[in-house]
Amino acid sequence: MNISHAILLVRGVCNRKHFSISTEKTYTHWLRRFGLFLKAQKLTATTPEQKMEAFLTRLAAERRFTASM
């Protein structure tokens, strides 16, 4: 599945669940960032979980994001 298709699916779910526009924009924003990360990193032979972990690790290290609890 490519990111464009995933974004359309997320938008559809947000509409069906009556999420606010700002929530939809936030979800699609982070999905786009994840897609750009995957394209730039060219991660191969990794599971989806490992790809997500690499993305979150990069955010934490380079952007100084922290976990929300």
PDB file of N, CA and C in Angstrom:
ATOM      1  N   MET A   1       0.852  -1.177   0.000  1.00  0.00           N
ATOM      2  CA  MET A   1       0.000   0.000   0.000  1.00  0.00           C
ATOM      3  C   MET A   1       0.894   1.235   0.000  1.00  0.00           C
ATOM      4  N   ASN A   2       0.591   2.176  -0.861  1.00  0.00           N
ATOM      5  CA  ASN A   2       1.374   3.407  -0.859  1.00  0.00           C
ATOM      6  C   ASN A   2       0.742   4.438   0.079  1.00  0.00           C
ATOM      7  N   ILE A   3       1.487   5.469   0.361  1.00  0.00           N
ATOM      8  CA  ILE A   3       1.052   6.471   1.331  1.00  0.00           C
ATOM      9  C   ILE A   3      -0.189   7.222   0.847  1.00  0.00           C
ATOM     10  N   SER A   4      -0.270   7.521  -0.431  1.00  0.00           N
ATOM     11  CA  SER A   4      -1.447   8.234  -0.955  1.00  0.00           C
ATOM     12  C   SER A   4      -2.720   7.434  -0.712  1.00  0.00           C
ATOM     13  N   HIS A   5      -2.638   6.146  -0.941  1.00  0.00           N
ATOM     14  CA  HIS A   5      -3.794   5.272  -0.706  1.00  0.00           C
ATOM     15  C   HIS A   5      -4.129   5.223   0.785  1.00  0.00           C
ATOM     16  N   ALA A   6      -3.112   5.130   1.616  1.00  0.00           N
ATOM     17  CA  ALA A   6      -3.325   5.090   3.066  1.00  0.00           C
ATOM     18  C   ALA A   6      -3.979   6.384   3.552  1.00  0.00           C
ATOM     19  N   ILE A   7      -3.576   7.512   2.995  1.00  0.00           N
ATOM     20  CA  ILE A   7      -4.161   8.798   3.384  1.00  0.00           C
ATOM     21  C   ILE A   7      -5.643   8.834   3.017  1.00  0.00           C
ATOM     22  N   LEU A   8      -5.988   8.338   1.837  1.00  0.00           N
ATOM     23  CA  LEU A   8      -7.404   8.287   1.453  1.00  0.00           C
ATOM     24  C   LEU A   8      -8.208   7.408   2.407  1.00  0.00           C
ATOM     25  N   LEU A   9      -7.627   6.292   2.810  1.00  0.00           N
ATOM     26  CA  LEU A   9      -8.312   5.410   3.758  1.00  0.00           C
ATOM     27  C   LEU A   9      -8.504   6.095   5.111  1.00  0.00           C
ATOM     28  N   VAL A  10      -7.475   6.785   5.575  1.00  0.00           N
ATOM     29  CA  VAL A  10      -7.564   7.484   6.863  1.00  0.00           C
ATOM     30  C   VAL A  10      -8.635   8.576   6.793  1.00  0.00           C
ATOM     31  N   ARG A  11      -8.669   9.298   5.707  1.00  0.00           N
ATOM     32  CA  ARG A  11      -9.688  10.348   5.547  1.00  0.00           C
ATOM     33  C   ARG A  11     -11.096   9.754   5.579  1.00  0.00           C
ATOM     34  N   GLY A  12     -11.259   8.609   4.906  1.00  0.00           N
ATOM     35  CA  GLY A  12     -12.562   7.948   4.906  1.00  0.00           C
ATOM     36  C   GLY A  12     -12.987   7.522   6.303  1.00  0.00           C
ATOM     37  N   VAL A  13     -12.061   6.959   7.054  1.00  0.00           N
ATOM     38  CA  VAL A  13     -12.366   6.536   8.425  1.00  0.00           C
ATOM     39  C   VAL A  13     -12.698   7.753   9.290  1.00  0.00           C
ATOM     40  N   CYS A  14     -11.921   8.812   9.143  1.00  0.00           N
ATOM     41  CA  CYS A  14     -12.177  10.034   9.927  1.00  0.00           C
ATOM     42  C   CYS A  14     -13.564  10.583   9.626  1.00  0.00           C
ATOM     43  N   ASN A  15     -13.955  10.564   8.363  1.00  0.00           N
ATOM     44  CA  ASN A  15     -15.286  11.060   7.992  1.00  0.00           C
ATOM     45  C   ASN A  15     -16.388  10.179   8.561  1.00  0.00           C
ATOM     46  N   ARG A  16     -16.220   8.858   8.450  1.00  0.00           N
ATOM     47  CA  ARG A  16     -17.237   7.944   8.974  1.00  0.00           C
ATOM     48  C   ARG A  16     -17.392   8.054  10.481  1.00  0.00           C
ATOM     49  N   LYS A  17     -16.286   8.323  11.167  1.00  0.00           N
ATOM     50  CA  LYS A  17     -16.329   8.419  12.630  1.00  0.00           C
ATOM     51  C   LYS A  17     -16.602   9.849  13.105  1.00  0.00           C
ATOM     52  N   HIS A  18     -16.820  10.739  12.153  1.00  0.00           N
ATOM     53  CA  HIS A  18     -17.151  12.140  12.452  1.00  0.00           C
ATOM     54  C   HIS A  18     -16.064  12.837  13.275  1.00  0.00           C
ATOM     55  N   PHE A  19     -14.801  12.544  12.935  1.00  0.00           N
ATOM     56  CA  PHE A  19     -13.694  13.237  13.587  1.00  0.00           C
ATOM     57  C   PHE A  19     -13.644  14.669  13.063  1.00  0.00           C
ATOM     58  N   SER A  20     -13.059  15.557  13.850  1.00  0.00           N
ATOM     59  CA  SER A  20     -12.939  16.943  13.417  1.00  0.00           C
ATOM     60  C   SER A  20     -11.928  17.042  12.269  1.00  0.00           C
ATOM     61  N   ILE A  21     -12.029  18.118  11.531  1.00  0.00           N
ATOM     62  CA  ILE A  21     -11.108  18.356  10.413  1.00  0.00           C
ATOM     63  C   ILE A  21      -9.672  18.450  10.927  1.00  0.00           C
ATOM     64  N   SER A  22      -9.486  19.083  12.068  1.00  0.00           N
ATOM     65  CA  SER A  22      -8.123  19.219  12.600  1.00  0.00           C
ATOM     66  C   SER A  22      -7.532  17.857  12.959  1.00  0.00           C
ATOM     67  N   THR A  23      -8.343  16.938  13.449  1.00  0.00           N
ATOM     68  CA  THR A  23      -7.863  15.588  13.746  1.00  0.00           C
ATOM     69  C   THR A  23      -7.458  14.887  12.461  1.00  0.00           C
ATOM     70  N   GLU A  24      -8.293  15.002  11.444  1.00  0.00           N
ATOM     71  CA  GLU A  24      -7.986  14.397  10.149  1.00  0.00           C
ATOM     72  C   GLU A  24      -6.677  14.956   9.587  1.00  0.00           C
ATOM     73  N   LYS A  25      -6.514  16.271   9.669  1.00  0.00           N
ATOM     74  CA  LYS A  25      -5.289  16.894   9.161  1.00  0.00           C
ATOM     75  C   LYS A  25      -4.061  16.416   9.938  1.00  0.00           C
ATOM     76  N   THR A  26      -4.203  16.262  11.237  1.00  0.00           N
ATOM     77  CA  THR A  26      -3.085  15.787  12.060  1.00  0.00           C
ATOM     78  C   THR A  26      -2.708  14.363  11.684  1.00  0.00           C
ATOM     79  N   TYR A  27      -3.707  13.497  11.555  1.00  0.00           N
ATOM     80  CA  TYR A  27      -3.439  12.108  11.188  1.00  0.00           C
ATOM     81  C   TYR A  27      -2.753  12.019   9.825  1.00  0.00           C
ATOM     82  N   THR A  28      -3.269  12.759   8.848  1.00  0.00           N
ATOM     83  CA  THR A  28      -2.682  12.683   7.513  1.00  0.00           C
ATOM     84  C   THR A  28      -1.296  13.327   7.473  1.00  0.00           C
ATOM     85  N   HIS A  29      -1.082  14.359   8.285  1.00  0.00           N
ATOM     86  CA  HIS A  29       0.238  14.989   8.367  1.00  0.00           C
ATOM     87  C   HIS A  29       1.292  13.971   8.820  1.00  0.00           C
ATOM     88  N   TRP A  30       0.998  13.259   9.900  1.00  0.00           N
ATOM     89  CA  TRP A  30       1.963  12.292  10.420  1.00  0.00           C
ATOM     90  C   TRP A  30       2.126  11.105   9.482  1.00  0.00           C
ATOM     91  N   LEU A  31       1.080  10.739   8.789  1.00  0.00           N
ATOM     92  CA  LEU A  31       1.187   9.657   7.816  1.00  0.00           C
ATOM     93  C   LEU A  31       2.098  10.069   6.663  1.00  0.00           C
ATOM     94  N   ARG A  32       1.969  11.321   6.208  1.00  0.00           N
ATOM     95  CA  ARG A  32       2.863  11.825   5.154  1.00  0.00           C
ATOM     96  C   ARG A  32       4.321  11.850   5.628  1.00  0.00           C
ATOM     97  N   ARG A  33       4.538  12.304   6.863  1.00  0.00           N
ATOM     98  CA  ARG A  33       5.900  12.343   7.393  1.00  0.00           C
ATOM     99  C   ARG A  33       6.503  10.948   7.474  1.00  0.00           C
ATOM    100  N   PHE A  34       5.694   9.975   7.878  1.00  0.00           N
ATOM    101  CA  PHE A  34       6.167   8.594   7.944  1.00  0.00           C
ATOM    102  C   PHE A  34       6.502   8.101   6.536  1.00  0.00           C
ATOM    103  N   GLY A  35       5.673   8.424   5.560  1.00  0.00           N
ATOM    104  CA  GLY A  35       5.939   8.026   4.177  1.00  0.00           C
ATOM    105  C   GLY A  35       7.217   8.639   3.639  1.00  0.00           C
ATOM    106  N   LEU A  36       7.444   9.908   3.930  1.00  0.00           N
ATOM    107  CA  LEU A  36       8.689  10.555   3.500  1.00  0.00           C
ATOM    108  C   LEU A  36       9.900   9.925   4.176  1.00  0.00           C
ATOM    109  N   PHE A  37       9.750   9.566   5.438  1.00  0.00           N
ATOM    110  CA  PHE A  37      10.825   8.895   6.160  1.00  0.00           C
ATOM    111  C   PHE A  37      11.154   7.561   5.495  1.00  0.00           C
ATOM    112  N   LEU A  38      10.143   6.781   5.182  1.00  0.00           N
ATOM    113  CA  LEU A  38      10.376   5.476   4.557  1.00  0.00           C
ATOM    114  C   LEU A  38      11.059   5.626   3.205  1.00  0.00           C
ATOM    115  N   LYS A  39      10.632   6.621   2.443  1.00  0.00           N
ATOM    116  CA  LYS A  39      11.222   6.843   1.127  1.00  0.00           C
ATOM    117  C   LYS A  39      12.690   7.263   1.251  1.00  0.00           C
ATOM    118  N   ALA A  40      12.985   8.116   2.209  1.00  0.00           N
ATOM    119  CA  ALA A  40      14.343   8.630   2.380  1.00  0.00           C
ATOM    120  C   ALA A  40      15.285   7.581   2.965  1.00  0.00           C
ATOM    121  N   GLN A  41      14.783   6.751   3.865  1.00  0.00           N
ATOM    122  CA  GLN A  41      15.643   5.789   4.551  1.00  0.00           C
ATOM    123  C   GLN A  41      15.901   4.528   3.738  1.00  0.00           C
ATOM    124  N   LYS A  42      15.005   4.190   2.839  1.00  0.00           N
ATOM    125  CA  LYS A  42      15.122   2.980   2.034  1.00  0.00           C
ATOM    126  C   LYS A  42      15.365   1.752   2.919  1.00  0.00           C
ATOM    127  N   LEU A  43      14.537   1.615   3.940  1.00  0.00           N
ATOM    128  CA  LEU A  43      14.659   0.480   4.853  1.00  0.00           C
ATOM    129  C   LEU A  43      14.252  -0.795   4.125  1.00  0.00           C
ATOM    130  N   THR A  44      15.100  -1.792   4.184  1.00  0.00           N
ATOM    131  CA  THR A  44      14.799  -3.059   3.525  1.00  0.00           C
ATOM    132  C   THR A  44      14.859  -4.185   4.545  1.00  0.00           C
ATOM    133  N   ALA A  45      14.130  -5.227   4.253  1.00  0.00           N
ATOM    134  CA  ALA A  45      14.115  -6.447   5.069  1.00  0.00           C
ATOM    135  C   ALA A  45      13.795  -6.162   6.533  1.00  0.00           C
ATOM    136  N   THR A  46      12.876  -5.245   6.763  1.00  0.00           N
ATOM    137  CA  THR A  46      12.455  -4.974   8.129  1.00  0.00           C
ATOM    138  C   THR A  46      10.943  -5.127   8.217  1.00  0.00           C
ATOM    139  N   THR A  47      10.477  -5.407   9.394  1.00  0.00           N
ATOM    140  CA  THR A  47       9.045  -5.545   9.616  1.00  0.00           C
ATOM    141  C   THR A  47       8.423  -4.154   9.746  1.00  0.00           C
ATOM    142  N   PRO A  48       7.109  -4.049   9.590  1.00  0.00           N
ATOM    143  CA  PRO A  48       6.461  -2.748   9.794  1.00  0.00           C
ATOM    144  C   PRO A  48       6.727  -2.182  11.189  1.00  0.00           C
ATOM    145  N   GLU A  49       6.800  -3.059  12.171  1.00  0.00           N
ATOM    146  CA  GLU A  49       7.078  -2.607  13.540  1.00  0.00           C
ATOM    147  C   GLU A  49       8.466  -1.986  13.641  1.00  0.00           C
ATOM    148  N   GLN A  50       9.442  -2.589  12.972  1.00  0.00           N
ATOM    149  CA  GLN A  50      10.806  -2.056  12.995  1.00  0.00           C
ATOM    150  C   GLN A  50      10.882  -0.716  12.263  1.00  0.00           C
ATOM    151  N   LYS A  51      10.116  -0.579  11.195  1.00  0.00           N
ATOM    152  CA  LYS A  51      10.087   0.688  10.463  1.00  0.00           C
ATOM    153  C   LYS A  51       9.499   1.793  11.333  1.00  0.00           C
ATOM    154  N   MET A  52       8.414   1.480  12.030  1.00  0.00           N
ATOM    155  CA  MET A  52       7.794   2.478  12.908  1.00  0.00           C
ATOM    156  C   MET A  52       8.729   2.830  14.060  1.00  0.00           C
ATOM    157  N   GLU A  53       9.393   1.828  14.607  1.00  0.00           N
ATOM    158  CA  GLU A  53      10.344   2.087  15.693  1.00  0.00           C
ATOM    159  C   GLU A  53      11.480   2.989  15.216  1.00  0.00           C
ATOM    160  N   ALA A  54      11.983   2.752  14.009  1.00  0.00           N
ATOM    161  CA  ALA A  54      13.052   3.586  13.458  1.00  0.00           C
ATOM    162  C   ALA A  54      12.565   5.026  13.267  1.00  0.00           C
ATOM    163  N   PHE A  55      11.333   5.193  12.796  1.00  0.00           N
ATOM    164  CA  PHE A  55      10.755   6.516  12.605  1.00  0.00           C
ATOM    165  C   PHE A  55      10.631   7.248  13.940  1.00  0.00           C
ATOM    166  N   LEU A  56      10.081   6.584  14.931  1.00  0.00           N
ATOM    167  CA  LEU A  56       9.901   7.213  16.239  1.00  0.00           C
ATOM    168  C   LEU A  56      11.235   7.505  16.917  1.00  0.00           C
ATOM    169  N   THR A  57      12.202   6.623  16.735  1.00  0.00           N
ATOM    170  CA  THR A  57      13.530   6.844  17.300  1.00  0.00           C
ATOM    171  C   THR A  57      14.171   8.069  16.668  1.00  0.00           C
ATOM    172  N   ARG A  58      14.023   8.198  15.357  1.00  0.00           N
ATOM    173  CA  ARG A  58      14.572   9.371  14.674  1.00  0.00           C
ATOM    174  C   ARG A  58      13.919  10.651  15.170  1.00  0.00           C
ATOM    175  N   LEU A  59      12.598  10.624  15.332  1.00  0.00           N
ATOM    176  CA  LEU A  59      11.908  11.804  15.853  1.00  0.00           C
ATOM    177  C   LEU A  59      12.415  12.170  17.242  1.00  0.00           C
ATOM    178  N   ALA A  60      12.564  11.168  18.080  1.00  0.00           N
ATOM    179  CA  ALA A  60      13.008  11.415  19.450  1.00  0.00           C
ATOM    180  C   ALA A  60      14.434  11.959  19.479  1.00  0.00           C
ATOM    181  N   ALA A  61      15.294  11.423  18.644  1.00  0.00           N
ATOM    182  CA  ALA A  61      16.707  11.807  18.662  1.00  0.00           C
ATOM    183  C   ALA A  61      16.950  13.152  17.971  1.00  0.00           C
ATOM    184  N   GLU A  62      16.391  13.326  16.789  1.00  0.00           N
ATOM    185  CA  GLU A  62      16.699  14.515  15.999  1.00  0.00           C
ATOM    186  C   GLU A  62      15.793  15.699  16.304  1.00  0.00           C
ATOM    187  N   ARG A  63      14.578  15.445  16.617  1.00  0.00           N
ATOM    188  CA  ARG A  63      13.618  16.528  16.813  1.00  0.00           C
ATOM    189  C   ARG A  63      13.325  16.797  18.284  1.00  0.00           C
ATOM    190  N   ARG A  64      13.894  15.998  19.135  1.00  0.00           N
ATOM    191  CA  ARG A  64      13.716  16.127  20.583  1.00  0.00           C
ATOM    192  C   ARG A  64      12.252  16.020  20.999  1.00  0.00           C
ATOM    193  N   PHE A  65      11.533  15.098  20.333  1.00  0.00           N
ATOM    194  CA  PHE A  65      10.172  14.790  20.743  1.00  0.00           C
ATOM    195  C   PHE A  65      10.222  13.829  21.914  1.00  0.00           C
ATOM    196  N   THR A  66       9.205  13.847  22.741  1.00  0.00           N
ATOM    197  CA  THR A  66       9.129  12.918  23.852  1.00  0.00           C
ATOM    198  C   THR A  66       7.830  12.137  23.793  1.00  0.00           C
ATOM    199  N   ALA A  67       7.819  11.020  24.503  1.00  0.00           N
ATOM    200  CA  ALA A  67       6.621  10.195  24.553  1.00  0.00           C
ATOM    201  C   ALA A  67       5.524  10.925  25.323  1.00  0.00           C
ATOM    202  N   SER A  68       4.314  10.781  24.862  1.00  0.00           N
ATOM    203  CA  SER A  68       3.180  11.375  25.556  1.00  0.00           C
ATOM    204  C   SER A  68       2.519  10.302  26.397  1.00  0.00           C
ATOM    205  N   MET A  69       2.263  10.648  27.630  1.00  0.00           N
ATOM    206  CA  MET A  69       1.639   9.657  28.520  1.00  0.00           C
ATOM    207  C   MET A  69       0.398  10.199  29.138  1.00  0.00           C
TER     208      MET A  69
END
